[in-house]
PDB file of N, CA and C in Angstrom:
ATOM      1  N   MET A   1      61.822  32.435 -25.582  1.00  0.00           N
ATOM      2  CA  MET A   1      61.589  31.065 -25.084  1.00  0.00           C
ATOM      3  C   MET A   1      61.625  31.174 -23.557  1.00  0.00           C
ATOM      4  N   ALA A   2      60.760  30.443 -22.997  1.00  0.00           N
ATOM      5  CA  ALA A   2      60.727  30.306 -21.516  1.00  0.00           C
ATOM      6  C   ALA A   2      61.956  29.637 -20.946  1.00  0.00           C
ATOM      7  N   ARG A   3      62.301  29.967 -19.749  1.00  0.00           N
ATOM      8  CA  ARG A   3      63.389  29.284 -19.022  1.00  0.00           C
ATOM      9  C   ARG A   3      62.727  28.622 -17.794  1.00  0.00           C
ATOM     10  N   ILE A   4      62.973  27.303 -17.724  1.00  0.00           N
ATOM     11  CA  ILE A   4      62.377  26.480 -16.631  1.00  0.00           C
ATOM     12  C   ILE A   4      63.424  26.264 -15.562  1.00  0.00           C
ATOM     13  N   ILE A   5      63.052  26.491 -14.351  1.00  0.00           N
ATOM     14  CA  ILE A   5      64.020  26.271 -13.269  1.00  0.00           C
ATOM     15  C   ILE A   5      63.357  25.332 -12.190  1.00  0.00           C
ATOM     16  N   VAL A   6      64.088  24.308 -11.788  1.00  0.00           N
ATOM     17  CA  VAL A   6      63.591  23.405 -10.667  1.00  0.00           C
ATOM     18  C   VAL A   6      64.478  23.695  -9.508  1.00  0.00           C
ATOM     19  N   ASP A   7      63.857  24.073  -8.466  1.00  0.00           N
ATOM     20  CA  ASP A   7      64.559  24.238  -7.124  1.00  0.00           C
ATOM     21  C   ASP A   7      64.778  22.844  -6.515  1.00  0.00           C
ATOM     22  N   GLU A   8      66.013  22.333  -6.769  1.00  0.00           N
ATOM     23  CA  GLU A   8      66.227  20.883  -6.265  1.00  0.00           C
ATOM     24  C   GLU A   8      66.097  20.795  -4.760  1.00  0.00           C
ATOM     25  N   SER A   9      66.348  21.894  -4.013  1.00  0.00           N
ATOM     26  CA  SER A   9      66.213  21.786  -2.548  1.00  0.00           C
ATOM     27  C   SER A   9      64.820  21.650  -2.055  1.00  0.00           C
ATOM     28  N   THR A  10      63.879  22.140  -2.893  1.00  0.00           N
ATOM     29  CA  THR A  10      62.498  22.061  -2.577  1.00  0.00           C
ATOM     30  C   THR A  10      61.820  20.840  -3.152  1.00  0.00           C
ATOM     31  N   CYS A  11      62.231  20.344  -4.245  1.00  0.00           N
ATOM     32  CA  CYS A  11      61.614  19.210  -4.955  1.00  0.00           C
ATOM     33  C   CYS A  11      61.564  18.004  -3.993  1.00  0.00           C
ATOM     34  N   VAL A  12      60.357  17.379  -3.914  1.00  0.00           N
ATOM     35  CA  VAL A  12      60.162  16.172  -3.102  1.00  0.00           C
ATOM     36  C   VAL A  12      60.197  14.908  -3.991  1.00  0.00           C
ATOM     37  N   GLY A  13      60.391  15.084  -5.247  1.00  0.00           N
ATOM     38  CA  GLY A  13      60.591  13.895  -6.154  1.00  0.00           C
ATOM     39  C   GLY A  13      59.304  13.122  -6.408  1.00  0.00           C
ATOM     40  N   CYS A  14      58.125  13.752  -6.468  1.00  0.00           N
ATOM     41  CA  CYS A  14      56.841  13.164  -6.719  1.00  0.00           C
ATOM     42  C   CYS A  14      56.817  12.567  -8.183  1.00  0.00           C
ATOM     43  N   GLY A  15      57.471  13.257  -9.121  1.00  0.00           N
ATOM     44  CA  GLY A  15      57.594  12.825 -10.535  1.00  0.00           C
ATOM     45  C   GLY A  15      56.383  13.301 -11.339  1.00  0.00           C
ATOM     46  N   LEU A  16      55.533  14.173 -10.761  1.00  0.00           N
ATOM     47  CA  LEU A  16      54.352  14.702 -11.549  1.00  0.00           C
ATOM     48  C   LEU A  16      54.817  15.388 -12.759  1.00  0.00           C
ATOM     49  N   CYS A  17      55.883  16.268 -12.670  1.00  0.00           N
ATOM     50  CA  CYS A  17      56.307  17.035 -13.857  1.00  0.00           C
ATOM     51  C   CYS A  17      56.895  16.215 -14.880  1.00  0.00           C
ATOM     52  N   ALA A  18      57.673  15.205 -14.499  1.00  0.00           N
ATOM     53  CA  ALA A  18      58.265  14.259 -15.494  1.00  0.00           C
ATOM     54  C   ALA A  18      57.115  13.437 -16.207  1.00  0.00           C
ATOM     55  N   SER A  19      56.138  13.023 -15.515  1.00  0.00           N
ATOM     56  CA  SER A  19      55.065  12.224 -16.152  1.00  0.00           C
ATOM     57  C   SER A  19      54.106  13.157 -16.932  1.00  0.00           C
ATOM     58  N   SER A  20      53.951  14.339 -16.595  1.00  0.00           N
ATOM     59  CA  SER A  20      53.107  15.331 -17.327  1.00  0.00           C
ATOM     60  C   SER A  20      53.881  15.813 -18.535  1.00  0.00           C
ATOM     61  N   CYS A  21      55.159  16.085 -18.495  1.00  0.00           N
ATOM     62  CA  CYS A  21      55.892  16.563 -19.628  1.00  0.00           C
ATOM     63  C   CYS A  21      57.311  15.935 -19.715  1.00  0.00           C
ATOM     64  N   PRO A  22      57.321  14.800 -20.242  1.00  0.00           N
ATOM     65  CA  PRO A  22      58.654  14.077 -20.289  1.00  0.00           C
ATOM     66  C   PRO A  22      59.629  14.735 -21.259  1.00  0.00           C
ATOM     67  N   ASP A  23      59.199  15.623 -22.117  1.00  0.00           N
ATOM     68  CA  ASP A  23      60.149  16.309 -23.010  1.00  0.00           C
ATOM     69  C   ASP A  23      60.914  17.386 -22.269  1.00  0.00           C
ATOM     70  N   CYS A  24      60.263  17.971 -21.231  1.00  0.00           N
ATOM     71  CA  CYS A  24      60.957  19.032 -20.446  1.00  0.00           C
ATOM     72  C   CYS A  24      61.584  18.559 -19.140  1.00  0.00           C
ATOM     73  N   PHE A  25      61.058  17.573 -18.489  1.00  0.00           N
ATOM     74  CA  PHE A  25      61.548  17.144 -17.204  1.00  0.00           C
ATOM     75  C   PHE A  25      61.951  15.659 -17.152  1.00  0.00           C
ATOM     76  N   GLU A  26      62.866  15.388 -16.333  1.00  0.00           N
ATOM     77  CA  GLU A  26      63.294  14.059 -16.073  1.00  0.00           C
ATOM     78  C   GLU A  26      63.654  13.849 -14.603  1.00  0.00           C
ATOM     79  N   MET A  27      63.579  12.689 -14.108  1.00  0.00           N
ATOM     80  CA  MET A  27      63.983  12.459 -12.673  1.00  0.00           C
ATOM     81  C   MET A  27      65.373  11.936 -12.696  1.00  0.00           C
ATOM     82  N   THR A  28      66.125  12.509 -11.663  1.00  0.00           N
ATOM     83  CA  THR A  28      67.640  12.105 -11.662  1.00  0.00           C
ATOM     84  C   THR A  28      67.677  10.822 -10.804  1.00  0.00           C
ATOM     85  N   ASP A  29      68.840  10.177 -10.693  1.00  0.00           N
ATOM     86  CA  ASP A  29      69.049   8.981  -9.946  1.00  0.00           C
ATOM     87  C   ASP A  29      68.664   9.109  -8.443  1.00  0.00           C
ATOM     88  N   ASN A  30      68.902  10.355  -7.935  1.00  0.00           N
ATOM     89  CA  ASN A  30      68.552  10.541  -6.538  1.00  0.00           C
ATOM     90  C   ASN A  30      67.053  10.908  -6.293  1.00  0.00           C
ATOM     91  N   GLY A  31      66.193  10.843  -7.413  1.00  0.00           N
ATOM     92  CA  GLY A  31      64.807  11.127  -7.321  1.00  0.00           C
ATOM     93  C   GLY A  31      64.309  12.476  -7.272  1.00  0.00           C
ATOM     94  N   ILE A  32      65.159  13.350  -7.753  1.00  0.00           N
ATOM     95  CA  ILE A  32      64.812  14.820  -7.896  1.00  0.00           C
ATOM     96  C   ILE A  32      64.623  15.195  -9.285  1.00  0.00           C
ATOM     97  N   ALA A  33      63.559  16.072  -9.584  1.00  0.00           N
ATOM     98  CA  ALA A  33      63.389  16.430 -10.939  1.00  0.00           C
ATOM     99  C   ALA A  33      64.462  17.467 -11.422  1.00  0.00           C
ATOM    100  N   LYS A  34      64.650  17.286 -12.750  1.00  0.00           N
ATOM    101  CA  LYS A  34      65.565  18.223 -13.371  1.00  0.00           C
ATOM    102  C   LYS A  34      65.067  18.641 -14.819  1.00  0.00           C
ATOM    103  N   VAL A  35      65.506  19.816 -15.213  1.00  0.00           N
ATOM    104  CA  VAL A  35      65.090  20.254 -16.543  1.00  0.00           C
ATOM    105  C   VAL A  35      65.844  19.549 -17.640  1.00  0.00           C
ATOM    106  N   LYS A  36      65.157  18.923 -18.532  1.00  0.00           N
ATOM    107  CA  LYS A  36      65.697  18.190 -19.645  1.00  0.00           C
ATOM    108  C   LYS A  36      65.749  19.146 -20.877  1.00  0.00           C
ATOM    109  N   SER A  37      64.734  19.973 -21.095  1.00  0.00           N
ATOM    110  CA  SER A  37      64.698  20.862 -22.137  1.00  0.00           C
ATOM    111  C   SER A  37      63.834  22.080 -21.871  1.00  0.00           C
ATOM    112  N   ASN A  38      64.133  23.243 -22.281  1.00  0.00           N
ATOM    113  CA  ASN A  38      63.325  24.457 -22.023  1.00  0.00           C
ATOM    114  C   ASN A  38      62.229  24.710 -22.993  1.00  0.00           C
ATOM    115  N   LYS A  39      62.132  23.821 -23.985  1.00  0.00           N
ATOM    116  CA  LYS A  39      60.955  24.021 -24.973  1.00  0.00           C
ATOM    117  C   LYS A  39      60.276  22.689 -25.257  1.00  0.00           C
ATOM    118  N   CYS A  40      58.961  22.831 -25.282  1.00  0.00           N
ATOM    119  CA  CYS A  40      58.181  21.637 -25.535  1.00  0.00           C
ATOM    120  C   CYS A  40      56.976  22.072 -26.327  1.00  0.00           C
ATOM    121  N   ALA A  41      56.616  21.293 -27.378  1.00  0.00           N
ATOM    122  CA  ALA A  41      55.494  21.554 -28.191  1.00  0.00           C
ATOM    123  C   ALA A  41      54.261  20.846 -27.707  1.00  0.00           C
ATOM    124  N   ASP A  42      54.412  19.898 -26.800  1.00  0.00           N
ATOM    125  CA  ASP A  42      53.264  18.986 -26.418  1.00  0.00           C
ATOM    126  C   ASP A  42      52.624  19.403 -25.051  1.00  0.00           C
ATOM    127  N   CYS A  43      53.292  20.322 -24.249  1.00  0.00           N
ATOM    128  CA  CYS A  43      52.671  20.664 -23.030  1.00  0.00           C
ATOM    129  C   CYS A  43      52.792  22.185 -22.757  1.00  0.00           C
ATOM    130  N   ASP A  44      52.020  22.561 -21.704  1.00  0.00           N
ATOM    131  CA  ASP A  44      52.039  23.964 -21.204  1.00  0.00           C
ATOM    132  C   ASP A  44      52.916  23.897 -19.960  1.00  0.00           C
ATOM    133  N   VAL A  45      54.232  24.331 -20.001  1.00  0.00           N
ATOM    134  CA  VAL A  45      55.094  24.238 -18.846  1.00  0.00           C
ATOM    135  C   VAL A  45      54.608  25.080 -17.680  1.00  0.00           C
ATOM    136  N   ASN A  46      53.825  26.174 -17.941  1.00  0.00           N
ATOM    137  CA  ASN A  46      53.308  26.961 -16.822  1.00  0.00           C
ATOM    138  C   ASN A  46      52.192  26.061 -16.094  1.00  0.00           C
ATOM    139  N   GLU A  47      51.483  25.365 -16.861  1.00  0.00           N
ATOM    140  CA  GLU A  47      50.413  24.417 -16.224  1.00  0.00           C
ATOM    141  C   GLU A  47      51.112  23.391 -15.388  1.00  0.00           C
ATOM    142  N   VAL A  48      52.183  22.760 -15.954  1.00  0.00           N
ATOM    143  CA  VAL A  48      52.959  21.689 -15.300  1.00  0.00           C
ATOM    144  C   VAL A  48      53.479  22.378 -13.953  1.00  0.00           C
ATOM    145  N   ALA A  49      54.088  23.536 -14.041  1.00  0.00           N
ATOM    146  CA  ALA A  49      54.730  24.181 -12.846  1.00  0.00           C
ATOM    147  C   ALA A  49      53.626  24.473 -11.798  1.00  0.00           C
ATOM    148  N   SER A  50      52.437  24.859 -12.248  1.00  0.00           N
ATOM    149  CA  SER A  50      51.351  25.190 -11.210  1.00  0.00           C
ATOM    150  C   SER A  50      50.862  23.817 -10.532  1.00  0.00           C
ATOM    151  N   GLN A  51      51.075  22.801 -11.182  1.00  0.00           N
ATOM    152  CA  GLN A  51      50.671  21.506 -10.547  1.00  0.00           C
ATOM    153  C   GLN A  51      51.681  20.954  -9.530  1.00  0.00           C
ATOM    154  N   CYS A  52      52.883  21.488  -9.461  1.00  0.00           N
ATOM    155  CA  CYS A  52      53.894  20.981  -8.623  1.00  0.00           C
ATOM    156  C   CYS A  52      53.412  21.252  -7.154  1.00  0.00           C
ATOM    157  N   PRO A  53      53.294  20.090  -6.342  1.00  0.00           N
ATOM    158  CA  PRO A  53      52.789  20.249  -4.986  1.00  0.00           C
ATOM    159  C   PRO A  53      53.651  21.092  -3.944  1.00  0.00           C
ATOM    160  N   VAL A  54      54.920  21.310  -4.364  1.00  0.00           N
ATOM    161  CA  VAL A  54      55.722  22.091  -3.366  1.00  0.00           C
ATOM    162  C   VAL A  54      56.228  23.335  -4.059  1.00  0.00           C
ATOM    163  N   ASN A  55      55.702  23.692  -5.199  1.00  0.00           N
ATOM    164  CA  ASN A  55      56.140  24.913  -5.989  1.00  0.00           C
ATOM    165  C   ASN A  55      57.592  24.982  -6.206  1.00  0.00           C
ATOM    166  N   ALA A  56      58.181  23.901  -6.587  1.00  0.00           N
ATOM    167  CA  ALA A  56      59.645  23.797  -6.897  1.00  0.00           C
ATOM    168  C   ALA A  56      59.974  24.233  -8.373  1.00  0.00           C
ATOM    169  N   ILE A  57      58.919  24.441  -9.197  1.00  0.00           N
ATOM    170  CA  ILE A  57      59.221  24.773 -10.599  1.00  0.00           C
ATOM    171  C   ILE A  57      58.859  26.293 -10.842  1.00  0.00           C
ATOM    172  N   THR A  58      59.772  26.978 -11.482  1.00  0.00           N
ATOM    173  CA  THR A  58      59.551  28.311 -11.894  1.00  0.00           C
ATOM    174  C   THR A  58      59.738  28.471 -13.399  1.00  0.00           C
ATOM    175  N   VAL A  59      58.843  29.221 -14.054  1.00  0.00           N
ATOM    176  CA  VAL A  59      58.974  29.404 -15.515  1.00  0.00           C
ATOM    177  C   VAL A  59      59.169  30.913 -15.663  1.00  0.00           C
ATOM    178  N   GLU A  60      60.382  31.300 -16.182  1.00  0.00           N
ATOM    179  CA  GLU A  60      60.645  32.679 -16.496  1.00  0.00           C
ATOM    180  C   GLU A  60      60.442  32.949 -17.959  1.00  0.00           C
ATOM    181  N   GLU A  61      59.561  33.915 -18.218  1.00  0.00           N
ATOM    182  CA  GLU A  61      59.274  34.218 -19.671  1.00  0.00           C
ATOM    183  C   GLU A  61      60.359  35.134 -20.255  1.00  0.00           C
TER     184      GLU A  61
END
């Protein structure tokens, strides 16, 4: 199973990951993305990570 990591110091809180894959990502109260789950049947987490505008998401296989 892949391990998803969000670098909170890099995240700008755009919310793209949470809107693209709400099963894996959620936004915290301070507007930073965090990992909700490391597995998702509905999205490609590598694709979601590649769309992050500041490259704050890493997927370790």
